Amino acid sequence: MWNVQDAKNKFSAVIDAALAGEPQEVSRRGKPTVVVLSVTEYLRLQQAAKLQRGSFVDHLLTFPADAPDIARAKVLPRDVEF
């Protein structure tokens, strides 16, 4: 893990390691803050996440309409005069 100052001073080394397939963690004040990784790895992770999650429409269609543990409000629309 790199601290911010070392990562700034040796940014080329950080990039080279990330391009070699080793994501580089950078910390600020001793706490992990960011990860530097190659574009190829980033795009792979994005694509994998996209494939794992379904569409929002699929999510809505699989939501149980009559789930007993979810309280639904019984609200009627109000009268509107034009």
PDB file of N, CA and C in Angstrom:
ATOM      1  N   MET A   1       0.856  -1.173   0.000  1.00  0.00           N
ATOM      2  CA  MET A   1       0.000   0.000   0.000  1.00  0.00           C
ATOM      3  C   MET A   1       0.899   1.232   0.000  1.00  0.00           C
ATOM      4  N   TRP A   2       0.520   2.195  -0.817  1.00  0.00           N
ATOM      5  CA  TRP A   2       1.256   3.454  -0.909  1.00  0.00           C
ATOM      6  C   TRP A   2       0.571   4.515  -0.067  1.00  0.00           C
ATOM      7  N   ASN A   3       1.359   5.404   0.549  1.00  0.00           N
ATOM      8  CA  ASN A   3       0.728   6.586   1.114  1.00  0.00           C
ATOM      9  C   ASN A   3       0.685   7.633   0.000  1.00  0.00           C
ATOM     10  N   VAL A   4      -0.118   8.654   0.155  1.00  0.00           N
ATOM     11  CA  VAL A   4      -0.348   9.620  -0.914  1.00  0.00           C
ATOM     12  C   VAL A   4       0.958  10.253  -1.382  1.00  0.00           C
ATOM     13  N   GLN A   5       1.800  10.663  -0.463  1.00  0.00           N
ATOM     14  CA  GLN A   5       3.043  11.341  -0.836  1.00  0.00           C
ATOM     15  C   GLN A   5       3.941  10.425  -1.663  1.00  0.00           C
ATOM     16  N   ASP A   6       4.106   9.176  -1.235  1.00  0.00           N
ATOM     17  CA  ASP A   6       4.932   8.236  -2.002  1.00  0.00           C
ATOM     18  C   ASP A   6       4.322   7.949  -3.369  1.00  0.00           C
ATOM     19  N   ALA A   7       2.998   7.828  -3.414  1.00  0.00           N
ATOM     20  CA  ALA A   7       2.319   7.572  -4.689  1.00  0.00           C
ATOM     21  C   ALA A   7       2.523   8.742  -5.646  1.00  0.00           C
ATOM     22  N   LYS A   8       2.494   9.967  -5.112  1.00  0.00           N
ATOM     23  CA  LYS A   8       2.731  11.137  -5.965  1.00  0.00           C
ATOM     24  C   LYS A   8       4.172  11.151  -6.465  1.00  0.00           C
ATOM     25  N   ASN A   9       5.099  10.841  -5.579  1.00  0.00           N
ATOM     26  CA  ASN A   9       6.511  10.880  -5.954  1.00  0.00           C
ATOM     27  C   ASN A   9       6.891   9.772  -6.932  1.00  0.00           C
ATOM     28  N   LYS A  10       6.187   8.646  -6.872  1.00  0.00           N
ATOM     29  CA  LYS A  10       6.531   7.498  -7.717  1.00  0.00           C
ATOM     30  C   LYS A  10       5.318   7.068  -8.542  1.00  0.00           C
ATOM     31  N   PHE A  11       4.617   8.061  -9.101  1.00  0.00           N
ATOM     32  CA  PHE A  11       3.380   7.770  -9.818  1.00  0.00           C
ATOM     33  C   PHE A  11       3.602   6.836 -10.997  1.00  0.00           C
ATOM     34  N   SER A  12       4.733   6.967 -11.668  1.00  0.00           N
ATOM     35  CA  SER A  12       5.033   6.066 -12.789  1.00  0.00           C
ATOM     36  C   SER A  12       5.106   4.618 -12.321  1.00  0.00           C
ATOM     37  N   ALA A  13       5.705   4.394 -11.161  1.00  0.00           N
ATOM     38  CA  ALA A  13       5.790   3.035 -10.619  1.00  0.00           C
ATOM     39  C   ALA A  13       4.405   2.514 -10.243  1.00  0.00           C
ATOM     40  N   VAL A  14       3.558   3.379  -9.721  1.00  0.00           N
ATOM     41  CA  VAL A  14       2.191   2.994  -9.372  1.00  0.00           C
ATOM     42  C   VAL A  14       1.449   2.560 -10.637  1.00  0.00           C
ATOM     43  N   ILE A  15       1.585   3.352 -11.696  1.00  0.00           N
ATOM     44  CA  ILE A  15       0.928   3.026 -12.968  1.00  0.00           C
ATOM     45  C   ILE A  15       1.481   1.737 -13.560  1.00  0.00           C
ATOM     46  N   ASP A  16       2.794   1.597 -13.561  1.00  0.00           N
ATOM     47  CA  ASP A  16       3.409   0.384 -14.126  1.00  0.00           C
ATOM     48  C   ASP A  16       2.917  -0.870 -13.406  1.00  0.00           C
ATOM     49  N   ALA A  17       2.834  -0.803 -12.086  1.00  0.00           N
ATOM     50  CA  ALA A  17       2.362  -1.966 -11.319  1.00  0.00           C
ATOM     51  C   ALA A  17       0.896  -2.260 -11.631  1.00  0.00           C
ATOM     52  N   ALA A  18       0.085  -1.218 -11.768  1.00  0.00           N
ATOM     53  CA  ALA A  18      -1.329  -1.411 -12.096  1.00  0.00           C
ATOM     54  C   ALA A  18      -1.470  -2.025 -13.489  1.00  0.00           C
ATOM     55  N   LEU A  19      -0.659  -1.560 -14.435  1.00  0.00           N
ATOM     56  CA  LEU A  19      -0.695  -2.116 -15.788  1.00  0.00           C
ATOM     57  C   LEU A  19      -0.218  -3.561 -15.828  1.00  0.00           C
ATOM     58  N   ALA A  20       0.621  -3.934 -14.871  1.00  0.00           N
ATOM     59  CA  ALA A  20       1.113  -5.310 -14.788  1.00  0.00           C
ATOM     60  C   ALA A  20       0.079  -6.239 -14.152  1.00  0.00           C
ATOM     61  N   GLY A  21      -1.083  -5.698 -13.811  1.00  0.00           N
ATOM     62  CA  GLY A  21      -2.152  -6.533 -13.261  1.00  0.00           C
ATOM     63  C   GLY A  21      -2.223  -6.534 -11.755  1.00  0.00           C
ATOM     64  N   GLU A  22      -1.521  -5.630 -11.102  1.00  0.00           N
ATOM     65  CA  GLU A  22      -1.537  -5.545  -9.643  1.00  0.00           C
ATOM     66  C   GLU A  22      -2.177  -4.226  -9.217  1.00  0.00           C
ATOM     67  N   PRO A  23      -3.449  -4.213  -8.859  1.00  0.00           N
ATOM     68  CA  PRO A  23      -4.073  -2.967  -8.398  1.00  0.00           C
ATOM     69  C   PRO A  23      -3.287  -2.377  -7.231  1.00  0.00           C
ATOM     70  N   GLN A  24      -3.125  -1.069  -7.246  1.00  0.00           N
ATOM     71  CA  GLN A  24      -2.316  -0.382  -6.240  1.00  0.00           C
ATOM     72  C   GLN A  24      -3.204   0.414  -5.301  1.00  0.00           C
ATOM     73  N   GLU A  25      -3.110   0.111  -4.010  1.00  0.00           N
ATOM     74  CA  GLU A  25      -3.891   0.830  -3.004  1.00  0.00           C
ATOM     75  C   GLU A  25      -3.108   2.041  -2.521  1.00  0.00           C
ATOM     76  N   VAL A  26      -3.826   3.150  -2.348  1.00  0.00           N
ATOM     77  CA  VAL A  26      -3.216   4.374  -1.837  1.00  0.00           C
ATOM     78  C   VAL A  26      -3.979   4.777  -0.586  1.00  0.00           C
ATOM     79  N   SER A  27      -3.221   5.126   0.450  1.00  0.00           N
ATOM     80  CA  SER A  27      -3.851   5.519   1.708  1.00  0.00           C
ATOM     81  C   SER A  27      -3.593   6.987   2.002  1.00  0.00           C
ATOM     82  N   ARG A  28      -4.511   7.563   2.766  1.00  0.00           N
ATOM     83  CA  ARG A  28      -4.360   8.943   3.235  1.00  0.00           C
ATOM     84  C   ARG A  28      -4.569   8.907   4.736  1.00  0.00           C
ATOM     85  N   ARG A  29      -3.611   9.443   5.438  1.00  0.00           N
ATOM     86  CA  ARG A  29      -3.625   9.448   6.909  1.00  0.00           C
ATOM     87  C   ARG A  29      -3.806   8.049   7.480  1.00  0.00           C
ATOM     88  N   GLY A  30      -3.174   7.079   6.823  1.00  0.00           N
ATOM     89  CA  GLY A  30      -3.200   5.704   7.313  1.00  0.00           C
ATOM     90  C   GLY A  30      -4.427   4.891   6.948  1.00  0.00           C
ATOM     91  N   LYS A  31      -5.385   5.509   6.252  1.00  0.00           N
ATOM     92  CA  LYS A  31      -6.602   4.786   5.889  1.00  0.00           C
ATOM     93  C   LYS A  31      -6.646   4.557   4.377  1.00  0.00           C
ATOM     94  N   PRO A  32      -6.984   3.334   3.937  1.00  0.00           N
ATOM     95  CA  PRO A  32      -7.099   3.078   2.500  1.00  0.00           C
ATOM     96  C   PRO A  32      -8.111   4.049   1.880  1.00  0.00           C
ATOM     97  N   THR A  33      -7.696   4.674   0.763  1.00  0.00           N
ATOM     98  CA  THR A  33      -8.521   5.715   0.170  1.00  0.00           C
ATOM     99  C   THR A  33      -8.939   5.412  -1.262  1.00  0.00           C
ATOM    100  N   VAL A  34      -7.974   5.029  -2.099  1.00  0.00           N
ATOM    101  CA  VAL A  34      -8.272   4.760  -3.504  1.00  0.00           C
ATOM    102  C   VAL A  34      -7.470   3.557  -3.980  1.00  0.00           C
ATOM    103  N   VAL A  35      -7.899   3.028  -5.120  1.00  0.00           N
ATOM    104  CA  VAL A  35      -7.175   1.940  -5.776  1.00  0.00           C
ATOM    105  C   VAL A  35      -6.915   2.371  -7.217  1.00  0.00           C
ATOM    106  N   VAL A  36      -5.675   2.214  -7.655  1.00  0.00           N
ATOM    107  CA  VAL A  36      -5.315   2.503  -9.040  1.00  0.00           C
ATOM    108  C   VAL A  36      -5.240   1.167  -9.760  1.00  0.00           C
ATOM    109  N   LEU A  37      -5.996   1.053 -10.859  1.00  0.00           N
ATOM    110  CA  LEU A  37      -5.961  -0.178 -11.633  1.00  0.00           C
ATOM    111  C   LEU A  37      -6.006   0.157 -13.116  1.00  0.00           C
ATOM    112  N   SER A  38      -5.661  -0.812 -13.929  1.00  0.00           N
ATOM    113  CA  SER A  38      -5.612  -0.585 -15.367  1.00  0.00           C
ATOM    114  C   SER A  38      -7.020  -0.406 -15.920  1.00  0.00           C
ATOM    115  N   VAL A  39      -7.100   0.258 -17.053  1.00  0.00           N
ATOM    116  CA  VAL A  39      -8.394   0.454 -17.710  1.00  0.00           C
ATOM    117  C   VAL A  39      -8.994  -0.893 -18.078  1.00  0.00           C
ATOM    118  N   THR A  40      -8.167  -1.815 -18.515  1.00  0.00           N
ATOM    119  CA  THR A  40      -8.655  -3.150 -18.880  1.00  0.00           C
ATOM    120  C   THR A  40      -9.345  -3.821 -17.697  1.00  0.00           C
ATOM    121  N   GLU A  41      -8.718  -3.761 -16.533  1.00  0.00           N
ATOM    122  CA  GLU A  41      -9.303  -4.361 -15.332  1.00  0.00           C
ATOM    123  C   GLU A  41     -10.576  -3.627 -14.918  1.00  0.00           C
ATOM    124  N   TYR A  42     -10.556  -2.306 -15.007  1.00  0.00           N
ATOM    125  CA  TYR A  42     -11.727  -1.501 -14.667  1.00  0.00           C
ATOM    126  C   TYR A  42     -12.916  -1.870 -15.556  1.00  0.00           C
ATOM    127  N   LEU A  43     -12.682  -1.954 -16.860  1.00  0.00           N
ATOM    128  CA  LEU A  43     -13.759  -2.304 -17.787  1.00  0.00           C
ATOM    129  C   LEU A  43     -14.258  -3.723 -17.547  1.00  0.00           C
ATOM    130  N   ARG A  44     -13.350  -4.644 -17.205  1.00  0.00           N
ATOM    131  CA  ARG A  44     -13.753  -6.016 -16.894  1.00  0.00           C
ATOM    132  C   ARG A  44     -14.659  -6.040 -15.669  1.00  0.00           C
ATOM    133  N   LEU A  45     -14.292  -5.301 -14.640  1.00  0.00           N
ATOM    134  CA  LEU A  45     -15.106  -5.246 -13.425  1.00  0.00           C
ATOM    135  C   LEU A  45     -16.472  -4.611 -13.701  1.00  0.00           C
ATOM    136  N   GLN A  46     -16.482  -3.557 -14.509  1.00  0.00           N
ATOM    137  CA  GLN A  46     -17.749  -2.918 -14.860  1.00  0.00           C
ATOM    138  C   GLN A  46     -18.663  -3.877 -15.610  1.00  0.00           C
ATOM    139  N   GLN A  47     -18.102  -4.592 -16.579  1.00  0.00           N
ATOM    140  CA  GLN A  47     -18.891  -5.528 -17.375  1.00  0.00           C
ATOM    141  C   GLN A  47     -19.429  -6.663 -16.502  1.00  0.00           C
ATOM    142  N   ALA A  48     -18.595  -7.181 -15.598  1.00  0.00           N
ATOM    143  CA  ALA A  48     -19.034  -8.257 -14.707  1.00  0.00           C
ATOM    144  C   ALA A  48     -20.172  -7.781 -13.804  1.00  0.00           C
ATOM    145  N   ALA A  49     -20.071  -6.563 -13.290  1.00  0.00           N
ATOM    146  CA  ALA A  49     -21.130  -6.026 -12.431  1.00  0.00           C
ATOM    147  C   ALA A  49     -22.414  -5.829 -13.227  1.00  0.00           C
ATOM    148  N   LYS A  50     -22.263  -5.379 -14.463  1.00  0.00           N
ATOM    149  CA  LYS A  50     -23.436  -5.156 -15.308  1.00  0.00           C
ATOM    150  C   LYS A  50     -24.160  -6.464 -15.606  1.00  0.00           C
ATOM    151  N   LEU A  51     -23.399  -7.527 -15.830  1.00  0.00           N
ATOM    152  CA  LEU A  51     -24.002  -8.826 -16.121  1.00  0.00           C
ATOM    153  C   LEU A  51     -24.683  -9.429 -14.897  1.00  0.00           C
ATOM    154  N   GLN A  52     -24.161  -9.138 -13.710  1.00  0.00           N
ATOM    155  CA  GLN A  52     -24.728  -9.700 -12.481  1.00  0.00           C
ATOM    156  C   GLN A  52     -26.064  -9.067 -12.124  1.00  0.00           C
ATOM    157  N   ARG A  53     -26.191  -7.790 -12.369  1.00  0.00           N
ATOM    158  CA  ARG A  53     -27.448  -7.141 -11.996  1.00  0.00           C
ATOM    159  C   ARG A  53     -28.387  -7.146 -13.192  1.00  0.00           C
ATOM    160  N   GLY A  54     -29.626  -7.360 -12.909  1.00  0.00           N
ATOM    161  CA  GLY A  54     -30.633  -7.332 -13.960  1.00  0.00           C
ATOM    162  C   GLY A  54     -31.061  -5.899 -14.224  1.00  0.00           C
ATOM    163  N   SER A  55     -31.980  -5.746 -15.114  1.00  0.00           N
ATOM    164  CA  SER A  55     -32.486  -4.409 -15.406  1.00  0.00           C
ATOM    165  C   SER A  55     -33.426  -3.965 -14.282  1.00  0.00           C
ATOM    166  N   PHE A  56     -33.680  -2.695 -14.230  1.00  0.00           N
ATOM    167  CA  PHE A  56     -34.582  -2.163 -13.217  1.00  0.00           C
ATOM    168  C   PHE A  56     -35.990  -2.711 -13.432  1.00  0.00           C
ATOM    169  N   VAL A  57     -36.373  -2.868 -14.672  1.00  0.00           N
ATOM    170  CA  VAL A  57     -37.691  -3.425 -14.987  1.00  0.00           C
ATOM    171  C   VAL A  57     -37.796  -4.851 -14.450  1.00  0.00           C
ATOM    172  N   ASP A  58     -36.747  -5.667 -14.660  1.00  0.00           N
ATOM    173  CA  ASP A  58     -36.751  -7.031 -14.126  1.00  0.00           C
ATOM    174  C   ASP A  58     -36.885  -7.021 -12.606  1.00  0.00           C
ATOM    175  N   HIS A  59     -36.196  -6.101 -11.976  1.00  0.00           N
ATOM    176  CA  HIS A  59     -36.266  -5.975 -10.512  1.00  0.00           C
ATOM    177  C   HIS A  59     -37.698  -5.678 -10.076  1.00  0.00           C
ATOM    178  N   LEU A  60     -38.334  -4.734 -10.737  1.00  0.00           N
ATOM    179  CA  LEU A  60     -39.710  -4.387 -10.373  1.00  0.00           C
ATOM    180  C   LEU A  60     -40.666  -5.539 -10.610  1.00  0.00           C
ATOM    181  N   LEU A  61     -40.459  -6.272 -11.694  1.00  0.00           N
ATOM    182  CA  LEU A  61     -41.357  -7.383 -12.007  1.00  0.00           C
ATOM    183  C   LEU A  61     -41.205  -8.553 -11.049  1.00  0.00           C
ATOM    184  N   THR A  62     -40.033  -8.710 -10.447  1.00  0.00           N
ATOM    185  CA  THR A  62     -39.829  -9.814  -9.505  1.00  0.00           C
ATOM    186  C   THR A  62     -40.175  -9.437  -8.069  1.00  0.00           C
ATOM    187  N   PHE A  63     -40.474  -8.170  -7.832  1.00  0.00           N
ATOM    188  CA  PHE A  63     -40.810  -7.729  -6.482  1.00  0.00           C
ATOM    189  C   PHE A  63     -42.165  -8.305  -6.094  1.00  0.00           C
ATOM    190  N   PRO A  64     -42.253  -8.935  -4.934  1.00  0.00           N
ATOM    191  CA  PRO A  64     -43.534  -9.551  -4.547  1.00  0.00           C
ATOM    192  C   PRO A  64     -44.590  -8.492  -4.256  1.00  0.00           C
ATOM    193  N   ALA A  65     -45.691  -8.576  -4.958  1.00  0.00           N
ATOM    194  CA  ALA A  65     -46.761  -7.580  -4.811  1.00  0.00           C
ATOM    195  C   ALA A  65     -47.525  -7.747  -3.508  1.00  0.00           C
ATOM    196  N   ASP A  66     -47.568  -8.969  -2.993  1.00  0.00           N
ATOM    197  CA  ASP A  66     -48.360  -9.211  -1.784  1.00  0.00           C
ATOM    198  C   ASP A  66     -47.491  -9.731  -0.645  1.00  0.00           C
ATOM    199  N   ALA A  67     -46.310  -9.192  -0.511  1.00  0.00           N
ATOM    200  CA  ALA A  67     -45.413  -9.624   0.563  1.00  0.00           C
ATOM    201  C   ALA A  67     -46.022  -9.240   1.917  1.00  0.00           C
ATOM    202  N   PRO A  68     -46.175 -10.200   2.826  1.00  0.00           N
ATOM    203  CA  PRO A  68     -46.816  -9.909   4.112  1.00  0.00           C
ATOM    204  C   PRO A  68     -45.970  -9.033   5.027  1.00  0.00           C
ATOM    205  N   ASP A  69     -44.659  -9.001   4.819  1.00  0.00           N
ATOM    206  CA  ASP A  69     -43.800  -8.227   5.716  1.00  0.00           C
ATOM    207  C   ASP A  69     -43.628  -6.773   5.276  1.00  0.00           C
ATOM    208  N   ILE A  70     -44.287  -6.385   4.194  1.00  0.00           N
ATOM    209  CA  ILE A  70     -44.176  -5.008   3.713  1.00  0.00           C
ATOM    210  C   ILE A  70     -45.535  -4.338   3.851  1.00  0.00           C
ATOM    211  N   ALA A  71     -45.577  -3.326   4.701  1.00  0.00           N
ATOM    212  CA  ALA A  71     -46.838  -2.602   4.903  1.00  0.00           C
ATOM    213  C   ALA A  71     -47.021  -1.604   3.770  1.00  0.00           C
ATOM    214  N   ARG A  72     -48.149  -1.680   3.132  1.00  0.00           N
ATOM    215  CA  ARG A  72     -48.446  -0.754   2.045  1.00  0.00           C
ATOM    216  C   ARG A  72     -49.595   0.154   2.468  1.00  0.00           C
ATOM    217  N   ALA A  73     -49.439   1.411   2.140  1.00  0.00           N
ATOM    218  CA  ALA A  73     -50.475   2.383   2.496  1.00  0.00           C
ATOM    219  C   ALA A  73     -51.684   2.213   1.581  1.00  0.00           C
ATOM    220  N   LYS A  74     -52.855   2.324   2.175  1.00  0.00           N
ATOM    221  CA  LYS A  74     -54.093   2.268   1.397  1.00  0.00           C
ATOM    222  C   LYS A  74     -54.510   3.719   1.141  1.00  0.00           C
ATOM    223  N   VAL A  75     -54.035   4.270   0.070  1.00  0.00           N
ATOM    224  CA  VAL A  75     -54.275   5.676  -0.232  1.00  0.00           C
ATOM    225  C   VAL A  75     -55.141   5.774  -1.477  1.00  0.00           C
ATOM    226  N   LEU A  76     -56.162   6.617  -1.391  1.00  0.00           N
ATOM    227  CA  LEU A  76     -57.013   6.868  -2.532  1.00  0.00           C
ATOM    228  C   LEU A  76     -56.658   8.228  -3.115  1.00  0.00           C
ATOM    229  N   PRO A  77     -56.778   8.378  -4.416  1.00  0.00           N
ATOM    230  CA  PRO A  77     -56.468   9.683  -4.996  1.00  0.00           C
ATOM    231  C   PRO A  77     -57.480  10.721  -4.531  1.00  0.00           C
ATOM    232  N   ARG A  78     -57.051  11.946  -4.411  1.00  0.00           N
ATOM    233  CA  ARG A  78     -57.955  13.007  -3.975  1.00  0.00           C
ATOM    234  C   ARG A  78     -58.750  13.524  -5.167  1.00  0.00           C
ATOM    235  N   ASP A  79     -59.876  14.126  -4.867  1.00  0.00           N
ATOM    236  CA  ASP A  79     -60.709  14.727  -5.907  1.00  0.00           C
ATOM    237  C   ASP A  79     -60.029  15.989  -6.408  1.00  0.00           C
ATOM    238  N   VAL A  80     -60.053  16.157  -7.707  1.00  0.00           N
ATOM    239  CA  VAL A  80     -59.467  17.341  -8.307  1.00  0.00           C
ATOM    240  C   VAL A  80     -60.520  18.020  -9.160  1.00  0.00           C
ATOM    241  N   GLU A  81     -60.697  19.292  -8.967  1.00  0.00           N
ATOM    242  CA  GLU A  81     -61.644  20.057  -9.778  1.00  0.00           C
ATOM    243  C   GLU A  81     -60.882  20.890 -10.779  1.00  0.00           C
ATOM    244  N   PHE A  82     -61.392  20.920 -11.992  1.00  0.00           N
ATOM    245  CA  PHE A  82     -60.764  21.722 -13.039  1.00  0.00           C
ATOM    246  C   PHE A  82     -61.612  22.928 -13.341  1.00  0.00           C
TER     247      PHE A  82
END
